[in-house]
Amino acid sequence: MSDQQQNRALPAILCLTDACDRPETELFIGLRNAGFDVDVMCNPKGRNYQRLVDEGLVAQPMALKNRFDKEGTAAIREQLARKQYDIIHAFNPRSLACGLRASKGTDIRVVAYRGVIGNISFLNPESWLTFLHPRVSKIVCVADAIKEHLAEEVRFLWMRIPPKKLQRIYKGHDLDWYQDPPTDLGQFGVPEDAFVVCCTGRDRPRKGFDVLVRAIDELPEDVEVHLLLVGDVINNEELKSQVAGTKHPERIHFTGYRQDAPGIAAASDVFVLPSIEREGLPRAVIEAMAYGVAPVVTRVGGMPELVENGVSGLVVPQKDASALSGGIEQLYRDRDLLGRMGAAAKERIATRFHTSQTVRETGELYKSLTGRD
């Protein structure tokens, strides 16, 4: 250990990311405020880039094109030569691969972040460039479900990821971030007094939009629900055809991509995420819960960790339209339960998934890796 490293009370961290979201941004600021020496290399086009600049955290801008980006790798290497770091914390596969190459030949510890289930295999050469690289000291998993998947299911012959290499740290939020007024849903053709179910997500088969549309179609005639589908799913022609064939297509509305997606969720009565596989700790559900909207989610990935079934929302089996329909109907008919679950959901984000917890646990991880307890 050099004299410079010995003189520092807490480790120096180089964080590598892309267009970092609000939780990442506040994590970096929180770590700096806790006494860690934090520098960030990130995409200058990101929504939170200027905030990081204003906080004096951006070492230099970086927008990696792929995992083999030569210019990006060189920029990281230059930063490592400019200043002595104890840890590289990479928040996506591109930055992880480039950070590992840039730090080759050094004793810098490398921490990876994993937010979804799947796409890591001992038979996949790309995995050896990232999460399975022997120089990765820790993989921070955003949910226990991801940690368990990596420990128990990613294996080949005698090869395993050592459990001691895996650590679950929830990505934290803060209720103060979610103070925008609810969006006026009338612009989407939703009646003023309607009971509204909202679903936000990218147009991917694993998101289960088709299951949700079937669930809405299975509701009894006296359960009049309007469904808002928020995001690029508006471009899914097959789903649009499915909607056209339902009993009440006029009650299913596509909004397209919206900057005010959290405000749309806030204006809704129930938030549903019907994912069928590979989910981590979905931000859309967290945002809805932070606004006090009761969630109905499937038993996939980290969602059962996020939502306490029967307390802060409902958790139903994946790919089960009838179970999903039953959950929506239950909340439609029992408005007291709906209100209690919404309040409990908000409280759960405030206490169990707060950003201060993420800062504390991440800082403890850094100290344990460098022996600075």
Protein backbone atom coordinates (compact mmCIF):
# COMPACT_ATOMS: atom_id res chain seq x y z
CA MET A 1 0.00 0.00 0.00
CA SER A 2 1.36 3.41 -0.97
CA ASP A 3 1.84 6.37 1.40
CA GLN A 4 -1.02 8.14 -0.40
CA GLN A 5 -3.38 5.23 0.29
CA GLN A 6 -2.26 4.94 3.93
CA ASN A 7 -2.95 8.63 4.57
CA ARG A 8 -6.55 8.40 3.36
CA ALA A 9 -9.08 7.61 6.06
CA LEU A 10 -11.53 6.08 3.59
CA PRO A 11 -11.03 4.42 0.18
CA ALA A 12 -10.87 6.31 -3.12
CA ILE A 13 -13.47 5.07 -5.59
CA LEU A 14 -13.72 5.49 -9.36
CA CYS A 15 -17.34 4.91 -10.39
CA LEU A 16 -17.94 3.98 -14.04
CA THR A 17 -21.45 4.24 -15.41
CA ASP A 18 -23.48 5.51 -18.37
CA ALA A 19 -26.44 7.91 -18.11
CA CYS A 20 -26.77 7.38 -14.38
CA ASP A 21 -30.24 7.47 -12.89
CA ARG A 22 -31.34 9.35 -9.77
CA PRO A 23 -30.53 6.54 -7.30
CA GLU A 24 -26.99 6.18 -8.68
CA THR A 25 -26.48 9.94 -8.65
CA GLU A 26 -27.58 10.26 -5.03
CA LEU A 27 -25.47 7.24 -4.09
CA PHE A 28 -22.34 8.95 -5.42
CA ILE A 29 -23.20 12.18 -3.62
CA GLY A 30 -24.04 10.32 -0.42
CA LEU A 31 -20.76 8.42 -0.46
CA ARG A 32 -18.83 11.64 -0.96
CA ASN A 33 -20.71 13.26 1.91
CA ALA A 34 -19.88 10.23 4.07
CA GLY A 35 -16.17 10.90 3.56
CA PHE A 36 -15.30 8.66 0.62
CA ASP A 37 -13.12 10.05 -2.17
CA VAL A 38 -15.48 9.53 -5.12
CA ASP A 39 -14.94 10.31 -8.79
CA VAL A 40 -17.40 9.48 -11.57
CA MET A 41 -16.92 8.87 -15.28
CA CYS A 42 -20.28 8.92 -17.05
CA ASN A 43 -22.24 9.90 -20.15
CA PRO A 44 -22.50 13.70 -20.56
CA LYS A 45 -25.92 13.26 -22.18
CA GLY A 46 -27.39 11.75 -19.03
CA ARG A 47 -30.22 13.54 -17.26
CA ASN A 48 -28.25 13.83 -14.00
CA TYR A 49 -24.85 14.67 -15.50
CA GLN A 50 -24.98 18.39 -14.69
CA ARG A 51 -25.89 17.66 -11.07
CA LEU A 52 -22.79 15.50 -10.74
CA VAL A 53 -20.70 18.25 -12.36
CA ASP A 54 -22.12 20.82 -9.94
CA GLU A 55 -21.23 18.51 -7.05
CA GLY A 56 -17.66 18.26 -8.33
CA LEU A 57 -17.87 14.51 -8.82
CA VAL A 58 -17.26 14.11 -12.56
CA ALA A 59 -13.63 13.24 -13.26
CA GLN A 60 -14.28 13.27 -16.99
CA PRO A 61 -17.17 12.51 -19.37
CA MET A 62 -17.33 9.04 -20.91
CA ALA A 63 -19.83 7.42 -23.27
CA LEU A 64 -18.82 3.82 -23.97
CA LYS A 65 -20.01 2.42 -27.30
CA ASN A 66 -19.50 -1.23 -26.40
CA ARG A 67 -17.48 -3.57 -24.19
CA PHE A 68 -14.43 -3.20 -26.42
CA ASP A 69 -14.41 0.61 -26.64
CA LYS A 70 -10.73 1.51 -27.11
CA GLU A 71 -11.15 5.24 -26.51
CA GLY A 72 -13.18 4.65 -23.37
CA THR A 73 -10.68 2.12 -22.04
CA ALA A 74 -7.86 4.57 -22.71
CA ALA A 75 -9.74 7.34 -20.88
CA ILE A 76 -10.19 5.11 -17.84
CA ARG A 77 -6.52 4.15 -17.95
CA GLU A 78 -5.55 7.83 -18.08
CA GLN A 79 -7.71 8.55 -15.05
CA LEU A 80 -6.12 5.69 -13.12
CA ALA A 81 -2.68 7.10 -13.96
CA ARG A 82 -3.76 10.56 -12.85
CA LYS A 83 -4.94 9.49 -9.41
CA GLN A 84 -4.52 6.48 -7.16
CA TYR A 85 -7.77 4.59 -6.56
CA ASP A 86 -8.53 1.68 -4.27
CA ILE A 87 -11.69 0.48 -6.02
CA ILE A 88 -13.37 0.64 -9.42
CA HIS A 89 -17.14 0.31 -9.14
CA ALA A 90 -18.68 -0.47 -12.55
CA PHE A 91 -22.44 -0.10 -12.92
CA ASN A 92 -22.99 -1.83 -16.29
CA PRO A 93 -21.32 -4.54 -18.40
CA ARG A 94 -19.66 -2.07 -20.78
CA SER A 95 -17.96 -0.11 -18.04
CA LEU A 96 -17.06 -3.33 -16.23
CA ALA A 97 -15.29 -4.82 -19.28
CA CYS A 98 -13.47 -1.58 -20.08
CA GLY A 99 -12.60 -0.94 -16.43
CA LEU A 100 -11.10 -4.42 -16.07
CA ARG A 101 -8.91 -3.94 -19.13
CA ALA A 102 -7.86 -0.43 -18.10
CA SER A 103 -6.82 -1.58 -14.62
CA LYS A 104 -4.89 -4.64 -15.80
CA GLY A 105 -1.62 -4.96 -13.91
CA THR A 106 -2.83 -2.96 -10.90
CA ASP A 107 -4.03 -4.06 -7.48
CA ILE A 108 -7.24 -2.04 -7.75
CA ARG A 109 -10.26 -4.01 -6.59
CA VAL A 110 -13.17 -4.17 -9.01
CA VAL A 111 -16.82 -4.16 -7.94
CA ALA A 112 -19.59 -5.01 -10.42
CA TYR A 113 -23.30 -4.20 -10.29
CA ARG A 114 -26.03 -6.59 -11.44
CA GLY A 115 -29.65 -5.49 -11.72
CA VAL A 116 -31.35 -8.29 -13.70
CA ILE A 117 -31.50 -12.07 -13.78
CA GLY A 118 -29.96 -14.02 -16.66
CA ASN A 119 -27.47 -13.59 -19.52
CA ILE A 120 -24.45 -14.74 -17.51
CA SER A 121 -22.97 -18.13 -18.35
CA PHE A 122 -19.67 -19.96 -18.01
CA LEU A 123 -20.18 -20.99 -21.65
CA ASN A 124 -20.51 -17.39 -22.84
CA PRO A 125 -17.12 -15.78 -23.64
CA GLU A 126 -18.53 -12.30 -22.99
CA SER A 127 -19.34 -13.28 -19.40
CA TRP A 128 -15.63 -13.94 -18.82
CA LEU A 129 -14.92 -10.36 -19.87
CA THR A 130 -17.30 -9.06 -17.22
CA PHE A 131 -18.94 -10.78 -14.25
CA LEU A 132 -16.95 -14.03 -14.41
CA HIS A 133 -13.60 -12.26 -14.78
CA PRO A 134 -11.30 -13.50 -11.98
CA ARG A 135 -10.36 -9.93 -10.99
CA VAL A 136 -13.93 -9.03 -10.01
CA SER A 137 -13.84 -8.83 -6.22
CA LYS A 138 -17.57 -8.39 -5.58
CA ILE A 139 -20.82 -8.46 -7.52
CA VAL A 140 -23.42 -6.18 -5.95
CA CYS A 141 -26.86 -7.66 -6.63
CA VAL A 142 -29.86 -5.36 -6.47
CA ALA A 143 -32.06 -8.16 -5.07
CA ASP A 144 -31.65 -11.43 -3.18
CA ALA A 145 -33.27 -13.17 -6.15
CA ILE A 146 -30.35 -12.11 -8.36
CA LYS A 147 -27.82 -13.15 -5.75
CA GLU A 148 -29.46 -16.57 -5.41
CA HIS A 149 -29.63 -17.01 -9.18
CA LEU A 150 -25.91 -16.28 -9.58
CA ALA A 151 -24.97 -18.55 -6.68
CA GLU A 152 -27.23 -21.49 -7.52
CA GLU A 153 -28.00 -21.46 -11.23
CA VAL A 154 -24.93 -20.01 -12.95
CA ARG A 155 -22.72 -23.08 -13.01
CA PHE A 156 -20.96 -25.51 -15.32
CA LEU A 157 -19.31 -28.74 -14.21
CA TRP A 158 -17.23 -27.73 -11.16
CA MET A 159 -17.36 -24.02 -11.90
CA ARG A 160 -19.41 -21.75 -9.63
CA ILE A 161 -19.46 -18.12 -8.57
CA PRO A 162 -18.19 -18.13 -4.96
CA PRO A 163 -21.03 -17.03 -2.65
CA LYS A 164 -18.60 -14.72 -0.79
CA LYS A 165 -18.23 -12.74 -4.03
CA LEU A 166 -21.95 -11.87 -4.04
CA GLN A 167 -23.62 -9.18 -1.94
CA ARG A 168 -27.15 -7.88 -2.04
CA ILE A 169 -27.57 -4.12 -1.73
CA TYR A 170 -30.95 -2.67 -2.62
CA LYS A 171 -30.93 0.40 -4.87
CA GLY A 172 -32.33 3.11 -2.60
CA HIS A 173 -34.84 5.87 -3.23
CA ASP A 174 -36.25 8.85 -1.32
CA LEU A 175 -39.87 9.99 -1.10
CA ASP A 176 -38.71 13.58 -1.62
CA TRP A 177 -37.85 12.67 -5.21
CA TYR A 178 -41.49 11.91 -5.94
CA GLN A 179 -43.41 15.13 -5.40
CA ASP A 180 -44.64 15.85 -8.93
CA PRO A 181 -48.40 16.41 -9.21
CA PRO A 182 -50.48 13.57 -10.67
CA THR A 183 -50.89 13.76 -14.44
CA ASP A 184 -54.31 14.63 -15.86
CA LEU A 185 -55.45 11.31 -17.33
CA GLY A 186 -58.25 12.92 -19.31
CA GLN A 187 -55.81 13.54 -22.15
CA PHE A 188 -55.72 9.79 -22.74
CA GLY A 189 -59.50 9.45 -22.86
CA VAL A 190 -59.87 8.24 -19.27
CA PRO A 191 -63.13 9.38 -17.57
CA GLU A 192 -62.65 11.56 -14.50
CA ASP A 193 -64.13 9.08 -12.02
CA ALA A 194 -62.63 5.92 -13.56
CA PHE A 195 -60.77 3.25 -11.62
CA VAL A 196 -57.36 3.22 -13.31
CA VAL A 197 -54.75 0.48 -13.54
CA CYS A 198 -51.34 1.60 -14.80
CA CYS A 199 -48.51 -0.45 -16.27
CA THR A 200 -45.19 1.06 -17.33
CA GLY A 201 -42.39 -0.80 -19.05
CA ARG A 202 -40.35 -1.39 -22.15
CA ASP A 203 -41.81 -3.44 -24.97
CA ARG A 204 -40.21 -6.79 -24.16
CA PRO A 205 -41.90 -10.23 -24.16
CA ARG A 206 -40.69 -10.81 -20.59
CA LYS A 207 -42.77 -7.86 -19.37
CA GLY A 208 -46.01 -9.84 -19.82
CA PHE A 209 -48.20 -7.12 -21.35
CA ASP A 210 -50.26 -9.78 -23.15
CA VAL A 211 -51.00 -11.49 -19.83
CA LEU A 212 -52.20 -8.19 -18.36
CA VAL A 213 -54.52 -7.52 -21.31
CA ARG A 214 -56.02 -11.01 -20.86
CA ALA A 215 -56.43 -10.32 -17.14
CA ILE A 216 -58.31 -7.08 -17.82
CA ASP A 217 -60.52 -8.87 -20.34
CA GLU A 218 -61.39 -11.52 -17.73
CA LEU A 219 -62.76 -8.99 -15.23
CA PRO A 220 -66.50 -9.27 -14.49
CA GLU A 221 -68.75 -6.82 -16.31
CA ASP A 222 -69.46 -4.84 -13.14
CA VAL A 223 -65.73 -4.23 -12.58
CA GLU A 224 -65.16 -1.23 -14.84
CA VAL A 225 -61.42 -0.67 -15.04
CA HIS A 226 -59.40 1.51 -17.39
CA LEU A 227 -55.89 0.31 -18.22
CA LEU A 228 -53.05 2.67 -19.12
CA LEU A 229 -50.09 1.12 -20.94
CA VAL A 230 -47.16 3.55 -20.69
CA GLY A 231 -44.04 3.31 -22.85
CA ASP A 232 -42.90 2.10 -26.23
CA VAL A 233 -45.36 -0.79 -26.06
CA ILE A 234 -47.49 1.55 -28.18
CA ASN A 235 -45.43 0.22 -31.10
CA ASN A 236 -46.42 -3.40 -30.46
CA GLU A 237 -48.91 -4.13 -33.25
CA GLU A 238 -49.58 -7.67 -32.02
CA LEU A 239 -50.61 -6.34 -28.62
CA LYS A 240 -52.79 -3.70 -30.25
CA SER A 241 -54.58 -6.46 -32.16
CA GLN A 242 -55.09 -8.33 -28.90
CA VAL A 243 -56.56 -5.20 -27.31
CA ALA A 244 -58.90 -4.70 -30.27
CA GLY A 245 -60.31 -8.17 -29.66
CA THR A 246 -61.19 -7.59 -26.00
CA LYS A 247 -64.70 -6.94 -24.69
CA HIS A 248 -63.94 -3.28 -23.94
CA PRO A 249 -61.04 -2.03 -26.07
CA GLU A 250 -62.15 1.54 -25.33
CA ARG A 251 -60.96 1.05 -21.74
CA ILE A 252 -57.37 0.22 -22.70
CA HIS A 253 -55.22 3.24 -23.52
CA PHE A 254 -51.70 3.46 -24.98
CA THR A 255 -49.87 6.62 -23.89
CA GLY A 256 -46.54 6.12 -25.66
CA TYR A 257 -43.28 7.16 -24.05
CA ARG A 258 -43.86 9.81 -21.38
CA GLN A 259 -41.46 11.93 -19.34
CA ASP A 260 -44.19 12.14 -16.71
CA ALA A 261 -44.59 8.36 -16.33
CA PRO A 262 -44.31 8.62 -12.50
CA GLY A 263 -47.06 11.27 -12.54
CA ILE A 264 -49.29 8.92 -14.55
CA ALA A 265 -48.71 6.19 -11.98
CA ALA A 266 -49.46 8.69 -9.19
CA ALA A 267 -52.82 9.48 -10.79
CA SER A 268 -53.75 5.79 -10.98
CA ASP A 269 -55.45 3.56 -8.42
CA VAL A 270 -53.34 0.43 -8.95
CA PHE A 271 -49.95 -0.18 -10.53
CA VAL A 272 -49.37 -3.57 -12.17
CA LEU A 273 -46.16 -5.16 -13.41
CA PRO A 274 -46.96 -8.60 -14.91
CA SER A 275 -43.39 -9.67 -15.75
CA ILE A 276 -42.87 -13.34 -16.56
CA GLU A 277 -39.09 -13.61 -16.02
CA ARG A 278 -35.72 -11.91 -15.35
CA GLU A 279 -37.01 -8.97 -13.29
CA GLY A 280 -34.69 -7.29 -10.81
CA LEU A 281 -35.96 -4.49 -8.57
CA PRO A 282 -38.09 -2.53 -11.05
CA ARG A 283 -37.94 1.23 -10.71
CA ALA A 284 -41.45 1.69 -12.09
CA VAL A 285 -42.92 -0.27 -9.18
CA ILE A 286 -40.82 1.64 -6.66
CA GLU A 287 -41.93 4.97 -8.11
CA ALA A 288 -45.61 3.99 -7.90
CA MET A 289 -45.20 2.77 -4.32
CA ALA A 290 -43.45 6.02 -3.40
CA TYR A 291 -46.59 7.86 -4.52
CA GLY A 292 -48.77 5.62 -2.35
CA VAL A 293 -50.20 3.57 -5.22
CA ALA A 294 -50.93 -0.06 -4.37
CA PRO A 295 -48.95 -2.50 -6.57
CA VAL A 296 -49.92 -5.86 -8.02
CA VAL A 297 -46.83 -7.72 -9.20
CA THR A 298 -45.84 -11.23 -10.21
CA ARG A 299 -43.64 -13.63 -8.28
CA VAL A 300 -40.61 -12.89 -10.44
CA GLY A 301 -37.10 -11.79 -9.50
CA GLY A 302 -36.88 -9.21 -6.75
CA MET A 303 -40.53 -8.11 -6.85
CA PRO A 304 -41.62 -10.33 -3.91
CA GLU A 305 -38.85 -8.66 -1.89
CA LEU A 306 -40.19 -5.25 -2.83
CA VAL A 307 -43.88 -5.96 -2.22
CA GLU A 308 -45.08 -7.73 0.93
CA ASN A 309 -47.98 -9.83 -0.30
CA GLY A 310 -51.20 -8.81 1.42
CA VAL A 311 -49.55 -5.89 3.23
CA SER A 312 -47.99 -3.40 0.81
CA GLY A 313 -49.57 -4.88 -2.31
CA LEU A 314 -50.38 -8.19 -3.95
CA VAL A 315 -48.00 -10.78 -5.40
CA VAL A 316 -49.48 -13.28 -7.88
CA PRO A 317 -48.03 -16.14 -9.95
CA GLN A 318 -46.46 -15.17 -13.26
CA LYS A 319 -48.17 -16.02 -16.56
CA ASP A 320 -51.47 -16.43 -14.69
CA ALA A 321 -54.03 -14.02 -16.15
CA SER A 322 -56.78 -15.29 -13.84
CA ALA A 323 -54.72 -14.66 -10.70
CA LEU A 324 -53.77 -11.21 -11.96
CA SER A 325 -57.39 -10.44 -12.78
CA GLY A 326 -58.42 -11.63 -9.32
CA GLY A 327 -55.92 -9.33 -7.64
CA ILE A 328 -57.14 -6.30 -9.58
CA GLU A 329 -60.76 -7.18 -8.83
CA GLN A 330 -60.00 -7.57 -5.11
CA LEU A 331 -58.60 -4.05 -4.90
CA TYR A 332 -61.41 -2.64 -7.04
CA ARG A 333 -64.07 -4.04 -4.68
CA ASP A 334 -62.28 -3.26 -1.41
CA ARG A 335 -61.29 0.40 -1.45
CA ASP A 336 -60.30 0.36 2.23
CA LEU A 337 -57.81 -2.40 1.51
CA LEU A 338 -56.62 -0.45 -1.53
CA GLY A 339 -55.92 2.60 0.65
CA ARG A 340 -54.16 0.61 3.37
CA MET A 341 -51.93 -1.14 0.87
CA GLY A 342 -51.06 2.13 -0.84
CA ALA A 343 -50.05 3.69 2.47
CA ALA A 344 -48.04 0.60 3.43
CA ALA A 345 -46.32 0.65 0.03
CA LYS A 346 -45.21 4.24 0.55
CA GLU A 347 -43.97 3.48 4.05
CA ARG A 348 -42.02 0.47 2.79
CA ILE A 349 -40.08 2.57 0.30
CA ALA A 350 -39.40 5.19 2.97
CA THR A 351 -38.01 2.67 5.46
CA ARG A 352 -36.80 -0.47 3.70
CA PHE A 353 -35.56 0.95 0.40
CA HIS A 354 -34.19 4.35 1.38
CA THR A 355 -31.09 5.74 -0.31
CA SER A 356 -29.34 6.23 3.03
CA GLN A 357 -29.33 2.45 3.48
CA THR A 358 -27.72 2.01 0.06
CA VAL A 359 -25.02 4.55 0.91
CA ARG A 360 -24.31 2.91 4.26
CA GLU A 361 -24.11 -0.66 2.92
CA THR A 362 -22.04 0.34 -0.12
CA GLY A 363 -19.61 2.23 2.11
CA GLU A 364 -19.29 -0.79 4.39
CA LEU A 365 -18.53 -2.94 1.35
CA TYR A 366 -15.75 -0.58 0.25
CA LYS A 367 -14.22 -0.56 3.71
CA SER A 368 -14.32 -4.34 4.00
CA LEU A 369 -12.60 -4.76 0.62
CA THR A 370 -9.77 -2.42 1.59
CA GLY A 371 -9.47 -3.40 5.24
CA ARG A 372 -10.45 0.06 6.45
CA ASP A 373 -13.05 -0.82 9.03
